[in-house]
């Protein structure tokens, strides 16, 4: 019987994916840098396969990050995981695009648009 991935392994995978996406690196490119298949990178990111210490150091080098970022959200005692909302790939892409808007007025306009599109009730005028 196969057991479910440990929450810490899931969090490490999520952190790898988040960092990879924030750097604009594809799974294929990361896999190439690590000398593995992109399917293996997918398994790491989903927590299906645990990531060894040596592979973690390779990932940090490939993504120009540190181990603390990979383990962010995991308590040192007992491996418990702090609950944080998962960020979808689409949300990460929107955030990256938003960060690339240089004009402060345009960023404010995008924020206003998003607020109006997601508001459950229209604010009183």
C-alpha atoms as a PDB file:
ATOM      1  CA  UNK A   1       0.000   0.000   0.000  1.00  0.00           C
ATOM      2  CA  UNK A   2       1.352   3.398  -0.994  1.00  0.00           C
ATOM      3  CA  UNK A   3       1.300   6.093   1.673  1.00  0.00           C
ATOM      4  CA  UNK A   4       0.486   9.738   1.113  1.00  0.00           C
ATOM      5  CA  UNK A   5       3.399  12.169   0.914  1.00  0.00           C
ATOM      6  CA  UNK A   6       4.455  13.766   4.189  1.00  0.00           C
ATOM      7  CA  UNK A   7       3.229  17.374   4.544  1.00  0.00           C
ATOM      8  CA  UNK A   8       6.843  18.574   4.737  1.00  0.00           C
ATOM      9  CA  UNK A   9       7.628  16.896   1.390  1.00  0.00           C
ATOM     10  CA  UNK A  10       4.564  18.545  -0.122  1.00  0.00           C
ATOM     11  CA  UNK A  11       5.661  21.945   1.210  1.00  0.00           C
ATOM     12  CA  UNK A  12       9.213  21.517  -0.121  1.00  0.00           C
ATOM     13  CA  UNK A  13       7.758  20.663  -3.526  1.00  0.00           C
ATOM     14  CA  UNK A  14       5.428  23.648  -3.455  1.00  0.00           C
ATOM     15  CA  UNK A  15       8.303  25.926  -2.485  1.00  0.00           C
ATOM     16  CA  UNK A  16      10.457  24.573  -5.315  1.00  0.00           C
ATOM     17  CA  UNK A  17       7.644  25.229  -7.799  1.00  0.00           C
ATOM     18  CA  UNK A  18       7.015  28.734  -6.458  1.00  0.00           C
ATOM     19  CA  UNK A  19      10.698  29.663  -6.594  1.00  0.00           C
ATOM     20  CA  UNK A  20      11.108  28.115 -10.053  1.00  0.00           C
ATOM     21  CA  UNK A  21       8.143  30.030 -11.411  1.00  0.00           C
ATOM     22  CA  UNK A  22       9.226  33.290  -9.789  1.00  0.00           C
ATOM     23  CA  UNK A  23      12.546  32.932 -11.575  1.00  0.00           C
ATOM     24  CA  UNK A  24      10.802  32.263 -14.907  1.00  0.00           C
ATOM     25  CA  UNK A  25      12.371  28.805 -15.205  1.00  0.00           C
ATOM     26  CA  UNK A  26      10.397  26.026 -16.894  1.00  0.00           C
ATOM     27  CA  UNK A  27      10.265  22.496 -15.519  1.00  0.00           C
ATOM     28  CA  UNK A  28      12.147  21.395 -18.625  1.00  0.00           C
ATOM     29  CA  UNK A  29      14.947  23.908 -18.035  1.00  0.00           C
ATOM     30  CA  UNK A  30      15.277  22.976 -14.358  1.00  0.00           C
ATOM     31  CA  UNK A  31      15.320  19.286 -15.296  1.00  0.00           C
ATOM     32  CA  UNK A  32      18.083  19.972 -17.814  1.00  0.00           C
ATOM     33  CA  UNK A  33      20.156  21.766 -15.172  1.00  0.00           C
ATOM     34  CA  UNK A  34      19.646  18.859 -12.745  1.00  0.00           C
ATOM     35  CA  UNK A  35      20.235  16.101 -15.293  1.00  0.00           C
ATOM     36  CA  UNK A  36      16.787  14.562 -14.757  1.00  0.00           C
ATOM     37  CA  UNK A  37      13.554  14.406 -16.747  1.00  0.00           C
ATOM     38  CA  UNK A  38      10.911  17.096 -16.434  1.00  0.00           C
ATOM     39  CA  UNK A  39       8.617  14.352 -15.106  1.00  0.00           C
ATOM     40  CA  UNK A  40      11.026  13.924 -12.194  1.00  0.00           C
ATOM     41  CA  UNK A  41      10.835  17.669 -11.496  1.00  0.00           C
ATOM     42  CA  UNK A  42       7.027  17.351 -11.532  1.00  0.00           C
ATOM     43  CA  UNK A  43       7.257  14.533  -8.972  1.00  0.00           C
ATOM     44  CA  UNK A  44       9.504  16.660  -6.750  1.00  0.00           C
ATOM     45  CA  UNK A  45       7.109  19.601  -6.989  1.00  0.00           C
ATOM     46  CA  UNK A  46       4.073  17.449  -6.169  1.00  0.00           C
ATOM     47  CA  UNK A  47       5.861  15.798  -3.223  1.00  0.00           C
ATOM     48  CA  UNK A  48       5.458  12.364  -4.816  1.00  0.00           C
ATOM     49  CA  UNK A  49       9.231  11.823  -4.744  1.00  0.00           C
ATOM     50  CA  UNK A  50      11.311  13.101  -1.863  1.00  0.00           C
ATOM     51  CA  UNK A  51      14.211  15.361  -2.710  1.00  0.00           C
ATOM     52  CA  UNK A  52      17.599  14.237  -1.388  1.00  0.00           C
ATOM     53  CA  UNK A  53      19.965  16.655   0.331  1.00  0.00           C
ATOM     54  CA  UNK A  54      22.374  16.597  -2.609  1.00  0.00           C
ATOM     55  CA  UNK A  55      19.532  17.258  -5.068  1.00  0.00           C
ATOM     56  CA  UNK A  56      18.284  20.128  -2.876  1.00  0.00           C
ATOM     57  CA  UNK A  57      21.686  21.786  -3.132  1.00  0.00           C
ATOM     58  CA  UNK A  58      21.605  21.337  -6.929  1.00  0.00           C
ATOM     59  CA  UNK A  59      18.120  22.874  -7.056  1.00  0.00           C
ATOM     60  CA  UNK A  60      19.257  25.827  -4.956  1.00  0.00           C
ATOM     61  CA  UNK A  61      22.177  26.382  -7.303  1.00  0.00           C
ATOM     62  CA  UNK A  62      20.003  26.045 -10.417  1.00  0.00           C
ATOM     63  CA  UNK A  63      17.367  28.452  -9.070  1.00  0.00           C
ATOM     64  CA  UNK A  64      19.804  30.828  -7.357  1.00  0.00           C
ATOM     65  CA  UNK A  65      18.112  30.464  -3.975  1.00  0.00           C
ATOM     66  CA  UNK A  66      19.065  29.148  -0.549  1.00  0.00           C
ATOM     67  CA  UNK A  67      17.911  26.178   1.496  1.00  0.00           C
ATOM     68  CA  UNK A  68      15.955  28.426   3.853  1.00  0.00           C
ATOM     69  CA  UNK A  69      13.682  29.394   0.954  1.00  0.00           C
ATOM     70  CA  UNK A  70      13.134  25.735   0.058  1.00  0.00           C
ATOM     71  CA  UNK A  71      12.189  24.901   3.659  1.00  0.00           C
ATOM     72  CA  UNK A  72      10.142  28.052   4.314  1.00  0.00           C
ATOM     73  CA  UNK A  73       6.938  27.218   6.166  1.00  0.00           C
ATOM     74  CA  UNK A  74       8.267  24.011   7.763  1.00  0.00           C
ATOM     75  CA  UNK A  75       8.856  23.976  11.511  1.00  0.00           C
ATOM     76  CA  UNK A  76      12.269  22.649  12.574  1.00  0.00           C
ATOM     77  CA  UNK A  77      10.668  20.566  15.316  1.00  0.00           C
ATOM     78  CA  UNK A  78       8.640  17.622  14.162  1.00  0.00           C
ATOM     79  CA  UNK A  79       8.403  18.728  10.540  1.00  0.00           C
ATOM     80  CA  UNK A  80       5.003  20.349  10.981  1.00  0.00           C
ATOM     81  CA  UNK A  81       3.948  22.637   8.188  1.00  0.00           C
ATOM     82  CA  UNK A  82       2.606  26.122   8.649  1.00  0.00           C
ATOM     83  CA  UNK A  83      -0.623  26.499   6.761  1.00  0.00           C
ATOM     84  CA  UNK A  84      -0.400  28.983   3.953  1.00  0.00           C
ATOM     85  CA  UNK A  85      -2.590  29.327   0.925  1.00  0.00           C
ATOM     86  CA  UNK A  86      -1.285  27.520  -2.138  1.00  0.00           C
ATOM     87  CA  UNK A  87      -0.453  29.749  -5.062  1.00  0.00           C
ATOM     88  CA  UNK A  88      -1.654  28.479  -8.410  1.00  0.00           C
ATOM     89  CA  UNK A  89       0.597  28.710 -11.457  1.00  0.00           C
ATOM     90  CA  UNK A  90      -1.852  31.197 -13.019  1.00  0.00           C
ATOM     91  CA  UNK A  91      -1.736  33.418  -9.933  1.00  0.00           C
ATOM     92  CA  UNK A  92       2.056  33.308  -9.973  1.00  0.00           C
ATOM     93  CA  UNK A  93       2.083  34.397 -13.637  1.00  0.00           C
ATOM     94  CA  UNK A  94      -0.288  37.280 -12.852  1.00  0.00           C
ATOM     95  CA  UNK A  95       1.918  38.351  -9.947  1.00  0.00           C
ATOM     96  CA  UNK A  96       5.025  38.262 -12.139  1.00  0.00           C
ATOM     97  CA  UNK A  97       3.291  40.309 -14.815  1.00  0.00           C
ATOM     98  CA  UNK A  98       2.016  42.780 -12.220  1.00  0.00           C
ATOM     99  CA  UNK A  99       5.535  43.213 -10.836  1.00  0.00           C
ATOM    100  CA  UNK A 100       6.774  44.052 -14.317  1.00  0.00           C
ATOM    101  CA  UNK A 101       4.460  47.104 -14.583  1.00  0.00           C
ATOM    102  CA  UNK A 102       6.782  50.053 -14.041  1.00  0.00           C
ATOM    103  CA  UNK A 103       4.176  52.818 -13.821  1.00  0.00           C
ATOM    104  CA  UNK A 104       2.644  53.215 -10.345  1.00  0.00           C
ATOM    105  CA  UNK A 105      -0.602  54.603 -11.776  1.00  0.00           C
ATOM    106  CA  UNK A 106      -0.993  51.588 -14.044  1.00  0.00           C
ATOM    107  CA  UNK A 107      -0.363  49.211 -11.109  1.00  0.00           C
ATOM    108  CA  UNK A 108      -3.023  51.064  -9.100  1.00  0.00           C
ATOM    109  CA  UNK A 109      -5.454  50.790 -12.033  1.00  0.00           C
ATOM    110  CA  UNK A 110      -4.870  47.024 -12.266  1.00  0.00           C
ATOM    111  CA  UNK A 111      -5.432  46.659  -8.521  1.00  0.00           C
ATOM    112  CA  UNK A 112      -8.641  48.665  -8.768  1.00  0.00           C
ATOM    113  CA  UNK A 113      -9.825  46.533 -11.691  1.00  0.00           C
ATOM    114  CA  UNK A 114      -9.108  43.305  -9.826  1.00  0.00           C
ATOM    115  CA  UNK A 115     -10.881  44.583  -6.706  1.00  0.00           C
ATOM    116  CA  UNK A 116     -13.959  45.501  -8.744  1.00  0.00           C
ATOM    117  CA  UNK A 117     -13.985  42.143 -10.523  1.00  0.00           C
ATOM    118  CA  UNK A 118     -13.727  40.150  -7.289  1.00  0.00           C
ATOM    119  CA  UNK A 119     -15.988  42.218  -5.052  1.00  0.00           C
ATOM    120  CA  UNK A 120     -18.899  40.228  -3.701  1.00  0.00           C
ATOM    121  CA  UNK A 121     -20.864  43.396  -3.062  1.00  0.00           C
ATOM    122  CA  UNK A 122     -20.397  46.801  -4.584  1.00  0.00           C
ATOM    123  CA  UNK A 123     -19.137  49.263  -1.978  1.00  0.00           C
ATOM    124  CA  UNK A 124     -21.499  52.070  -1.032  1.00  0.00           C
ATOM    125  CA  UNK A 125     -20.761  55.185  -3.028  1.00  0.00           C
END
